[in-house]
Protein backbone atom coordinates (compact mmCIF):
# COMPACT_ATOMS: atom_id res chain seq x y z
CA MET A 1 -4.77 -11.17 -23.60
CA LYS A 2 -6.83 -9.37 -20.81
CA GLU A 3 -4.82 -9.07 -17.34
CA THR A 4 -6.58 -10.12 -14.81
CA GLY A 5 -7.53 -7.80 -12.19
CA LYS A 6 -8.10 -8.63 -8.47
CA ASP A 7 -9.28 -11.75 -7.56
CA THR A 8 -11.48 -12.50 -4.60
CA ALA A 9 -11.18 -16.28 -5.47
CA PHE A 10 -7.77 -15.99 -3.87
CA LYS A 11 -8.25 -13.19 -1.68
CA ASN A 12 -6.78 -14.00 2.06
CA LEU A 13 -8.64 -12.63 5.17
CA GLN A 14 -6.08 -11.48 6.30
CA GLY A 15 -4.14 -9.73 3.41
CA PHE A 16 -4.85 -9.33 0.41
CA VAL A 17 -4.29 -10.67 -3.42
CA SER A 18 -3.87 -8.99 -6.64
CA CYS A 19 -2.69 -9.24 -10.05
CA LYS A 20 -1.26 -7.61 -12.50
CA GLU A 21 1.27 -8.00 -15.54
CA HIS A 22 1.38 -11.47 -15.27
CA LYS A 23 2.30 -11.75 -11.65
CA ILE A 24 0.49 -12.44 -8.18
CA TYR A 25 1.30 -9.75 -5.40
CA ARG A 26 0.44 -10.43 -1.58
CA LYS A 27 0.67 -8.60 1.54
CA ILE A 28 1.78 -10.84 4.37
CA PRO A 29 -0.83 -10.99 6.54
CA SER A 30 -1.09 -9.59 10.14
CA GLY A 31 0.97 -12.47 12.15
CA HIS A 32 2.74 -14.10 9.57
CA ALA A 33 6.21 -12.22 9.51
CA GLY A 34 7.76 -15.49 11.46
CA ASN A 35 5.82 -18.22 9.33
CA ILE A 36 8.04 -16.32 6.26
CA GLN A 37 11.20 -15.76 7.88
CA LYS A 38 11.07 -19.67 9.43
CA ILE A 39 10.33 -21.32 6.01
CA MET A 40 13.13 -19.15 4.18
CA GLU A 41 15.57 -19.71 7.13
CA SER A 42 15.03 -23.36 8.04
CA GLY A 43 15.27 -24.45 4.26
CA LEU A 44 11.82 -25.46 3.63
CA TYR A 45 11.79 -22.89 0.64
CA LYS A 46 14.51 -24.35 -1.22
CA LYS A 47 13.34 -27.48 -1.19
CA LEU A 48 9.68 -27.15 -2.52
CA LEU A 49 11.61 -24.95 -5.23
CA ASP A 50 13.83 -27.71 -5.19
CA LYS A 51 11.07 -30.29 -5.87
CA LYS A 52 9.08 -28.03 -8.08
CA TYR A 53 6.25 -28.03 -5.72
CA ILE A 54 5.62 -24.67 -5.20
CA VAL A 55 6.02 -21.36 -7.31
CA PRO A 56 8.96 -18.80 -6.69
CA PHE A 57 8.19 -15.78 -4.57
CA GLU A 58 10.48 -12.94 -4.27
CA GLU A 59 10.09 -9.49 -2.55
CA ALA A 60 8.35 -7.12 -4.43
CA ASP A 61 9.38 -2.95 -4.52
CA THR A 62 6.23 -0.58 -3.09
CA ASP A 63 7.17 2.95 -2.32
CA ASP A 64 4.42 3.07 0.33
CA GLU A 65 5.93 2.21 3.66
CA LYS A 66 3.12 1.47 5.40
CA SER A 67 2.09 -1.31 3.02
CA GLY A 68 4.53 -3.56 4.60
CA LYS A 69 6.12 -5.99 2.54
CA ILE A 70 4.30 -7.62 -0.29
CA PHE A 71 6.15 -10.78 -2.16
CA ALA A 72 5.39 -11.71 -6.02
CA SER A 73 5.24 -14.86 -7.60
CA PRO A 74 4.40 -15.85 -11.48
CA SER A 75 1.12 -15.88 -12.03
CA PRO A 76 -0.43 -18.77 -14.41
CA PHE A 77 -1.91 -18.31 -17.68
CA TYR A 78 -5.26 -19.20 -16.67
CA TYR A 79 -6.97 -19.98 -13.33
CA SER A 80 -8.89 -23.04 -12.64
CA TYR A 81 -11.08 -24.32 -10.20
CA ALA A 82 -10.91 -28.57 -8.77
CA TYR A 83 -14.49 -28.92 -10.37
CA GLU A 84 -13.05 -27.93 -13.97
CA TRP A 85 -10.13 -30.75 -13.56
CA ALA A 86 -9.69 -34.15 -14.94
CA PHE A 87 -9.65 -36.46 -12.84
CA SER A 88 -6.11 -36.95 -13.03
CA GLN A 89 -5.46 -33.42 -12.58
CA LEU A 90 -6.94 -33.78 -9.35
CA LYS A 91 -5.11 -37.14 -8.06
CA ASP A 92 -1.65 -35.26 -9.55
CA ALA A 93 -2.65 -32.01 -6.96
CA ALA A 94 -3.87 -34.30 -4.29
CA LEU A 95 -0.48 -36.08 -4.87
CA LEU A 96 1.65 -32.78 -4.54
CA LEU A 97 -0.01 -31.64 -1.44
CA LEU A 98 0.85 -34.41 1.03
CA SER A 99 4.34 -34.21 -0.65
CA ALA A 100 4.85 -31.06 0.02
CA GLN A 101 2.91 -31.39 3.89
CA LYS A 102 5.86 -34.29 4.54
CA LEU A 103 8.04 -32.29 3.82
CA ALA A 104 6.99 -29.35 5.73
CA LEU A 105 6.45 -31.60 8.57
CA GLU A 106 10.16 -32.24 8.80
CA HIS A 107 11.14 -28.52 8.64
CA GLY A 108 9.04 -27.76 11.70
CA MET A 109 6.37 -26.96 9.48
CA THR A 110 2.83 -27.48 8.45
CA ILE A 111 0.26 -26.37 6.01
CA ASN A 112 -2.30 -25.18 7.41
CA SER A 113 -4.72 -25.18 4.19
CA ALA A 114 -5.62 -28.29 1.98
CA LYS A 115 -8.25 -25.67 -0.20
CA CYS A 116 -7.78 -26.82 -3.81
CA GLU A 117 -7.59 -23.41 -4.53
CA ASN A 118 -4.02 -23.05 -3.39
CA ILE A 119 -2.56 -24.68 -6.46
CA GLN A 120 -2.88 -24.19 -10.12
CA PHE A 121 -1.43 -25.52 -13.12
CA TYR A 122 1.97 -23.97 -14.15
CA GLY A 123 3.53 -25.29 -17.49
CA GLY A 124 1.37 -28.31 -17.20
CA LYS A 125 2.19 -29.04 -13.70
CA PRO A 126 0.29 -28.44 -10.62
CA LEU A 127 1.91 -25.94 -8.15
CA ILE A 128 1.26 -24.77 -4.72
CA PHE A 129 1.25 -21.34 -5.63
CA ASP A 130 0.60 -19.25 -1.72
CA ILE A 131 3.57 -19.08 0.44
CA PHE A 132 1.05 -17.88 3.10
CA ILE A 133 -0.45 -21.53 3.78
CA PHE A 134 2.72 -22.62 5.43
CA GLU A 135 3.11 -21.83 9.14
CA GLU A 136 4.87 -23.18 12.24
CA TYR A 137 3.71 -26.82 13.50
CA ASN A 138 0.26 -26.52 14.86
CA ASP A 139 -1.54 -29.97 16.19
CA LYS A 140 -4.59 -28.26 15.45
CA LYS A 141 -4.47 -27.76 12.02
CA ASN A 142 -2.38 -30.30 11.13
CA ASN A 143 -5.82 -32.20 12.03
CA ASP A 144 -7.62 -29.57 10.23
CA PHE A 145 -5.00 -30.36 7.21
CA TYR A 146 -6.41 -33.73 7.45
CA GLU A 147 -10.14 -33.45 7.53
CA GLU A 148 -10.31 -30.97 5.01
CA PHE A 149 -7.99 -32.66 2.81
CA CYS A 150 -10.16 -36.05 2.72
CA ARG A 151 -13.24 -33.36 1.89
CA MET A 152 -11.27 -31.22 -0.88
CA PHE A 153 -9.36 -34.53 -2.39
CA LEU A 154 -10.22 -37.90 -1.46
CA ALA A 155 -14.02 -38.15 -1.30
CA PRO A 156 -14.30 -36.45 -4.76
CA LEU A 157 -11.49 -38.52 -6.33
CA ALA A 158 -13.14 -41.80 -4.75
CA ILE A 159 -16.55 -40.90 -5.50
CA MET A 160 -15.15 -40.59 -9.32
CA SER A 161 -13.30 -43.69 -9.59
CA TYR A 162 -15.99 -46.03 -7.59
CA THR A 163 -19.21 -44.38 -8.84
CA ASP A 164 -19.20 -42.15 -11.66
CA VAL A 165 -16.50 -39.38 -13.03
CA ARG A 166 -18.87 -36.57 -13.81
CA LEU A 167 -19.75 -36.85 -9.82
CA GLY A 168 -16.36 -34.23 -9.63
CA GLN A 169 -19.08 -31.54 -10.00
CA LEU A 170 -19.79 -32.36 -6.71
CA LEU A 171 -17.61 -29.76 -5.90
CA LYS A 172 -19.33 -26.61 -7.36
CA THR A 173 -22.11 -27.45 -4.77
CA TYR A 174 -19.60 -28.51 -1.80
CA ILE A 175 -16.97 -25.32 -2.49
CA LYS A 176 -15.39 -26.60 0.60
CA GLY A 177 -15.47 -30.40 0.30
CA ILE A 178 -17.88 -33.27 -0.44
CA PRO A 179 -18.97 -34.21 2.95
CA LEU A 180 -17.92 -37.50 4.36
CA ASP A 181 -20.95 -38.98 5.33
CA LEU A 182 -22.31 -37.91 2.01
CA THR A 183 -19.63 -39.73 0.22
CA CYS A 184 -20.31 -42.68 2.18
CA HIS A 185 -23.78 -42.92 1.25
CA ILE A 186 -22.47 -42.38 -2.89
CA LEU A 187 -19.69 -44.71 -2.94
CA PRO A 188 -20.50 -48.68 -3.23
CA ILE A 189 -20.44 -51.16 -1.40
CA THR A 190 -16.72 -52.66 -2.79
CA ALA A 191 -15.52 -49.06 -2.04
CA ASN A 192 -15.11 -50.76 1.37
CA LEU A 193 -12.71 -53.86 -0.25
CA ASN A 194 -9.73 -50.61 -0.42
CA MET A 195 -8.22 -50.26 3.31
CA GLY A 196 -7.12 -46.79 2.81
CA LEU A 197 -10.84 -45.50 1.97
CA VAL A 198 -11.72 -47.60 5.12
CA THR A 199 -9.64 -45.58 7.10
CA HIS A 200 -9.94 -42.00 5.60
CA ILE A 201 -13.70 -42.19 4.95
CA PHE A 202 -16.11 -44.79 6.25
CA LYS A 203 -14.15 -44.45 10.09
CA HIS A 204 -13.19 -40.98 9.64
CA ALA A 205 -16.90 -40.05 8.35
CA LYS A 206 -17.86 -42.25 11.94
CA ARG A 207 -14.98 -40.08 14.14
CA ILE A 208 -16.53 -36.88 12.79
CA LYS A 209 -19.36 -37.72 14.31
CA GLU A 210 -18.60 -39.17 17.30
CA LYS A 211 -16.47 -36.33 17.81
CA GLU A 212 -19.25 -33.84 17.24
CA LEU A 213 -21.40 -35.70 19.66
CA ALA A 214 -18.67 -35.47 22.21
CA ALA A 215 -18.59 -31.75 21.37
CA GLU A 216 -22.09 -31.75 22.84
CA LYS A 217 -20.52 -33.77 25.66
CA ASN A 218 -18.10 -30.70 26.46
CA THR A 219 -15.18 -34.01 25.98
CA VAL A 220 -12.31 -33.17 24.35
CA GLN A 221 -9.80 -35.40 22.26
CA SER A 222 -6.26 -35.11 23.15
CA LYS A 223 -3.96 -33.06 21.03
CA LYS A 224 -1.45 -35.90 21.04
CA GLN A 225 -4.18 -38.04 19.48
CA GLN A 226 -5.15 -35.75 17.01
CA SER A 227 -1.02 -35.30 16.08
CA LEU A 228 -0.10 -38.75 15.86
CA GLN A 229 -3.17 -39.62 13.40
CA THR A 230 -2.28 -36.65 10.89
CA LYS A 231 1.18 -37.65 10.46
CA GLU A 232 0.80 -41.30 10.34
CA ASN A 233 -1.80 -40.88 8.00
CA LEU A 234 0.32 -39.10 5.23
CA LYS A 235 2.00 -41.90 3.53
CA SER A 236 -1.95 -44.03 4.04
CA LEU A 237 -3.44 -41.02 2.22
CA ALA A 238 -0.39 -41.08 -0.39
CA ASP A 239 -1.05 -44.63 -1.26
CA CYS A 240 -4.95 -44.85 -0.73
CA ILE A 241 -4.92 -41.73 -3.87
CA LYS A 242 -2.54 -43.70 -5.85
CA SER A 243 -5.29 -46.78 -5.14
CA LEU A 244 -7.61 -44.61 -7.46
CA SER A 245 -7.89 -45.07 -11.17
CA PHE A 246 -10.03 -43.29 -13.69
CA PRO A 247 -12.98 -45.68 -14.36
CA ASP A 248 -12.62 -47.40 -17.28
CA SER A 249 -15.52 -45.34 -19.24
CA LYS A 250 -16.21 -45.26 -22.86
CA THR A 251 -18.14 -42.09 -24.25
CA GLU A 252 -18.88 -40.53 -28.02
CA TRP A 253 -16.56 -37.91 -27.88
CA GLY A 254 -13.60 -39.53 -26.03
CA ASN A 255 -13.56 -41.91 -28.61
CA PHE A 256 -14.35 -39.64 -31.49
CA TYR A 257 -11.18 -39.74 -33.26
CA LYS A 258 -11.24 -43.47 -33.11
CA HIS A 259 -14.42 -43.25 -35.28
CA THR A 260 -14.45 -39.88 -36.86
CA SER A 261 -15.63 -39.52 -40.61
CA TYR A 262 -12.12 -37.15 -41.20
CA SER A 263 -9.77 -38.38 -43.63
CA ASP A 264 -6.49 -37.53 -43.57
CA LYS A 265 -6.52 -35.40 -46.45
CA ALA A 266 -9.29 -33.32 -44.19
CA PHE A 267 -7.39 -33.54 -41.32
CA PHE A 268 -4.53 -32.02 -42.90
CA ALA A 269 -6.40 -29.49 -44.53
CA LYS A 270 -8.07 -28.41 -41.53
CA LYS A 271 -4.87 -28.10 -39.44
CA GLU A 272 -2.99 -25.53 -42.56
CA ILE A 273 -5.87 -23.45 -42.66
CA ILE A 274 -6.26 -22.87 -38.48
CA THR A 275 -2.43 -22.68 -38.54
CA ASN A 276 -2.88 -19.77 -40.68
CA TYR A 277 -5.52 -18.06 -39.60
CA LEU A 278 -3.30 -18.78 -35.90
CA ASP A 279 -0.51 -17.03 -37.72
CA LYS A 280 -2.30 -14.51 -39.20
CA VAL A 281 -3.50 -12.96 -35.86
CA HIS A 282 -0.47 -13.82 -33.41
CA PRO A 283 -2.36 -14.61 -29.96
CA GLU A 284 -0.90 -14.94 -26.65
CA LEU A 285 -3.97 -17.33 -25.28
CA VAL A 286 -6.27 -19.08 -27.39
CA TYR A 287 -9.41 -20.71 -25.59
CA ASP A 288 -10.59 -24.21 -28.08
CA LEU A 289 -14.19 -24.80 -27.21
CA GLY A 290 -15.38 -28.51 -27.50
CA SER A 291 -11.40 -29.10 -27.70
CA ASN A 292 -11.93 -33.10 -27.28
CA ARG A 293 -8.94 -34.62 -26.83
CA GLY A 294 -6.92 -31.51 -28.05
CA LYS A 295 -5.70 -32.59 -31.25
CA PHE A 296 -6.29 -28.66 -32.88
CA SER A 297 -5.97 -27.37 -29.75
CA ARG A 298 -1.89 -28.19 -30.38
CA ILE A 299 -1.43 -26.56 -33.34
CA ALA A 300 -1.87 -23.13 -30.95
CA SER A 301 -0.03 -25.04 -28.16
CA ASN A 302 2.79 -26.27 -30.04
CA LYS A 303 3.43 -22.69 -31.17
CA LYS A 304 3.80 -21.67 -27.55
CA ILE A 305 0.62 -20.01 -27.69
CA ASN A 306 -0.81 -20.77 -24.07
CA THR A 307 -3.83 -22.84 -24.81
CA VAL A 308 -6.85 -23.77 -22.56
CA ALA A 309 -8.72 -26.92 -24.29
CA PHE A 310 -12.24 -27.04 -22.71
CA ASP A 311 -14.62 -29.92 -23.11
CA ILE A 312 -17.95 -31.27 -21.74
CA ASP A 313 -16.80 -34.95 -21.98
CA ALA A 314 -14.76 -36.13 -18.52
CA VAL A 315 -13.11 -38.95 -20.71
CA ALA A 316 -11.88 -36.61 -23.95
CA VAL A 317 -10.57 -34.41 -20.80
CA GLU A 318 -8.43 -36.68 -19.04
CA LYS A 319 -7.15 -38.36 -22.28
CA ASN A 320 -5.94 -34.68 -22.78
CA TYR A 321 -4.36 -34.46 -19.86
CA LEU A 322 -2.45 -37.50 -19.59
CA HIS A 323 -1.55 -36.92 -23.37
CA ALA A 324 0.07 -33.25 -22.27
CA LYS A 325 1.75 -34.73 -19.17
CA LYS A 326 3.21 -37.55 -20.91
CA ALA A 327 4.80 -35.60 -23.54
CA LYS A 328 5.54 -33.02 -20.80
CA GLU A 329 3.86 -30.09 -22.57
CA THR A 330 3.60 -26.60 -20.90
CA HIS A 331 1.44 -24.70 -22.83
CA ILE A 332 -1.83 -25.79 -23.04
CA LEU A 333 -4.46 -26.50 -20.16
CA PRO A 334 -7.05 -29.20 -20.73
CA LEU A 335 -10.39 -28.70 -18.31
CA PHE A 336 -13.78 -29.39 -18.62
CA GLN A 337 -16.53 -26.99 -18.80
CA ASP A 338 -20.16 -27.21 -20.15
CA LEU A 339 -20.34 -24.32 -22.62
CA THR A 340 -24.67 -24.42 -21.98
CA ASN A 341 -23.75 -24.19 -18.45
CA PRO A 342 -20.48 -22.39 -17.55
CA SER A 343 -19.35 -22.43 -14.41
CA SER A 344 -20.37 -19.47 -12.63
CA ASP A 345 -19.65 -16.87 -9.33
CA MET A 346 -19.72 -18.37 -6.94
CA GLY A 347 -19.12 -18.67 -2.83
CA PHE A 348 -20.44 -16.20 -0.19
CA MET A 349 -21.93 -13.31 -2.25
CA ASN A 350 -20.95 -15.08 -5.02
CA ALA A 351 -17.50 -13.50 -4.73
CA GLN A 352 -15.68 -16.26 -3.49
CA LYS A 353 -14.92 -17.99 -7.13
CA THR A 354 -14.91 -16.72 -10.63
CA GLY A 355 -17.21 -17.56 -13.26
CA PHE A 356 -15.78 -18.80 -17.02
CA MET A 357 -17.40 -15.36 -18.12
CA LYS A 358 -15.49 -12.98 -16.23
CA ARG A 359 -12.41 -15.05 -14.88
CA THR A 360 -10.27 -13.34 -18.04
CA ARG A 361 -10.67 -12.61 -22.03
CA PRO A 362 -8.31 -14.53 -24.52
CA ASP A 363 -7.24 -13.18 -27.93
CA LEU A 364 -9.00 -15.64 -30.01
CA THR A 365 -11.26 -18.27 -29.53
CA MET A 366 -11.18 -21.61 -31.60
CA ALA A 367 -14.59 -22.99 -31.99
CA LEU A 368 -14.65 -25.98 -34.24
CA ALA A 369 -17.70 -28.18 -34.82
CA ILE A 370 -19.46 -27.26 -31.70
CA LEU A 371 -22.22 -25.47 -33.68
CA PRO A 372 -24.07 -28.87 -34.05
CA HIS A 373 -24.28 -29.44 -30.51
CA LEU A 374 -25.26 -25.84 -29.24
CA VAL A 375 -27.87 -25.13 -31.99
CA LEU A 376 -29.30 -28.81 -32.74
CA LYS A 377 -28.52 -30.56 -29.71
CA ASN A 378 -29.38 -27.77 -26.90
CA GLY A 379 -32.03 -25.92 -29.16
CA LEU A 380 -29.65 -22.39 -29.55
CA LYS A 381 -30.07 -19.94 -32.00
CA PHE A 382 -27.29 -18.91 -34.34
CA GLU A 383 -27.86 -15.17 -32.75
CA GLU A 384 -27.45 -16.90 -29.31
CA VAL A 385 -23.91 -18.84 -30.17
CA ALA A 386 -23.01 -15.43 -31.58
CA LYS A 387 -23.78 -13.44 -28.98
CA PHE A 388 -21.88 -15.65 -26.54
CA LEU A 389 -18.77 -15.85 -28.83
CA ARG A 390 -18.45 -12.45 -29.06
CA THR A 391 -17.93 -11.61 -25.17
CA LEU A 392 -15.11 -14.32 -25.25
CA SER A 393 -12.26 -12.80 -27.38
CA ALA A 394 -12.00 -9.97 -30.25
CA TYR A 395 -10.99 -12.57 -32.75
CA LEU A 396 -12.91 -16.06 -33.90
CA ILE A 397 -11.95 -19.11 -35.73
CA ILE A 398 -15.09 -20.89 -36.17
CA GLU A 399 -16.10 -24.11 -37.91
CA PHE A 400 -19.47 -24.64 -39.95
CA VAL A 401 -20.59 -28.39 -40.13
CA PRO A 402 -23.78 -28.59 -42.32
CA ALA A 403 -26.49 -31.06 -42.51
CA GLU A 404 -25.14 -33.24 -44.92
CA ASP A 405 -21.86 -34.28 -42.86
CA LYS A 406 -22.00 -37.55 -41.43
CA LYS A 407 -21.67 -36.91 -37.79
CA VAL A 408 -24.36 -34.15 -38.22
CA LYS A 409 -27.01 -36.56 -39.78
CA GLN A 410 -26.18 -38.94 -36.62
CA ILE A 411 -27.23 -36.26 -33.92
CA ILE A 412 -30.25 -35.15 -36.49
CA SER A 413 -31.39 -38.33 -36.68
CA ALA A 414 -31.24 -38.97 -32.81
CA LEU A 415 -32.95 -36.39 -32.11
CA GLU A 416 -35.95 -37.31 -34.93
CA GLU A 417 -36.44 -33.59 -35.75
CA GLU A 418 -35.90 -31.31 -38.60
CA PHE A 419 -33.74 -28.70 -38.64
CA PRO A 420 -34.33 -26.57 -41.87
CA GLY A 421 -33.42 -22.96 -40.92
CA TYR A 422 -29.44 -24.87 -39.95
CA THR A 423 -27.90 -23.68 -43.26
CA LYS A 424 -24.51 -22.25 -43.94
CA GLU A 425 -26.17 -19.00 -45.73
CA ARG A 426 -28.48 -18.45 -42.56
CA PHE A 427 -25.29 -19.01 -40.38
CA ALA A 428 -23.08 -16.47 -42.41
CA ARG A 429 -25.78 -14.06 -42.44
CA VAL A 430 -26.41 -13.91 -38.51
CA PHE A 431 -22.84 -13.90 -37.07
CA GLU A 432 -22.19 -10.84 -39.65
CA LYS A 433 -24.19 -8.82 -37.50
CA PHE A 434 -21.46 -9.01 -34.74
CA PHE A 435 -18.59 -10.25 -36.62
CA ASP A 436 -16.73 -9.13 -39.52
CA ILE A 437 -15.49 -12.38 -41.44
CA LEU A 438 -12.08 -11.83 -42.60
CA ASP A 439 -11.53 -15.32 -44.64
CA GLU A 440 -13.12 -17.98 -44.98
CA HIS A 441 -11.37 -22.13 -46.25
CA SER A 442 -13.47 -25.13 -47.58
CA VAL A 443 -12.05 -27.99 -45.42
CA ALA A 444 -10.91 -30.25 -48.57
CA ASP A 445 -12.43 -34.05 -48.88
CA THR A 446 -15.51 -32.71 -46.37
CA LYS A 447 -18.40 -30.03 -46.59
CA ARG A 448 -17.30 -28.01 -43.95
CA THR A 449 -15.91 -24.12 -43.85
CA ILE A 450 -13.99 -22.72 -41.70
CA TYR A 451 -14.00 -18.96 -41.41
CA LEU A 452 -11.84 -16.43 -39.54
CA MET A 453 -13.74 -13.58 -38.26
CA LYS A 454 -13.36 -10.11 -36.25
CA VAL A 455 -15.63 -8.76 -33.72
CA LYS A 456 -17.20 -5.82 -35.11
CA GLU A 457 -16.05 -2.45 -33.38
C-alpha cells in the first residue's frame, strides 16, 4: 500500500498535518496550547475516548526543539469525503458530532468547526480525528458551529431524505455546506411537517437573511441570544437528524442479488477463484470497483484485508454500509464513486480535497463485472479501461462478462446497438499490452472468466 504523504485536504492553516507510517502528525497551532491542556485536565479527552467519539492522540517525539509539540494519531486506512458517504454514514457522523459537542459543553469547551472533514471512518465507525477542533467555550464560535452544522449535515440529509438521495452530491459543489436558502427551494412542501426542519432549515434560513440585513444596518444580535440558541438546539438537532430516513428507493443494482442470474454453484465458484487470487497476492489494501452490496468485497475484508467498496448506486452503498454496521465489520468501507467521473481535486487552487486518483494506491484492485458498464453503457474502449486500472494498483482481479450473459444481453438490448468488438479475445489482447496475465479461470455454470493480472514492469 502506498503511504499517503502530506494531505492538504486535512491541512490546518495555523499548523501542519502530515501522514506517514499509518499515523497522522499535527503540530500544535499558535494559541492552541491552552486548549490542549484544558481538554486533558478537564477530563474531556478521557470521556471522548471512553465513548469512542475520537481517535487516541499521543505526543510524538521530535529531535527538533524549534518544531514545538507534535501530536500523533492513527490514520484511517482510507480518507473519504462526505459526498462519497452513504446516507446513513453521513447521519451517523452528524449524530457523533452533536454528541461530542454536548460533551464538550459540559466540560466548558466547544467544537469550533462542524466540517465533515473532521470525521473519518475507523473500524467501520465514524470518529473525530482532529483534536484541535476543541477549544474553550466561546459564544460566537458556538453559533458558528450551529450554522455550519446545518449546512454540512442537516441540509444534505434533509434533501436526500425528502427529495432524492443522489442530491448528497451537491456537497461536491458546495464544499462549505449546502446553503440553507437553496435547501428551502429544493425541499418539498411536505418537509414543513417536520418541525425540526422548520426550526433548523426554514426559520434558520430566514434568520440568516435577517442577520445579513441587520449587519447592513449596523445592528448586532446579542451574544446571550446566540449562546442560548445553540445550547437549546443540540437535542433538537439530534432529534431532527434521527427523524430523517433513507428514502424508499429501488434501483436496478441496489436489488441486484435478488434478481441475479447467478446460480449457487456459480457464486461459490466465483468466491473460490477470488479467494485463491487474494491468497496469492496477500494485499494490505484492496479496492473493489462496482462492489454493489459488497458480497465479494467481504471475501477480502473477512480476511482482515482493508477493503474500500466503491459503487455508483446509492441504494447499494447504503445497504452495504448498514450490513457492515450491523455485523460490526471493521475492515470494509463502502463508498459512493462514479468511475467515469471520479472525485477530483477540489477547493481553492484544487488543493483542499484530494481526488480519487491521487488519494492513495491499493495493492490490488477488483473489477468484477464492471466491463459491460464501462465499455457498453459508457462507450469506453478496452484500452482506456486498461490504462485507468493500471494507474490504480500493481495487481488486478478482473472479470470478463461475455455478450451472451443474461445481464449483458439486457444492457445491449436497452441500448439497441451491436458491439462486435466486445469479445473475450479482444479484451485479453488489449489488456496484455498493459498487464501480465498471471492466471485465469472460468466461472462454473457461466460463460464468465476471471483473471489475475499484474501491471507490466
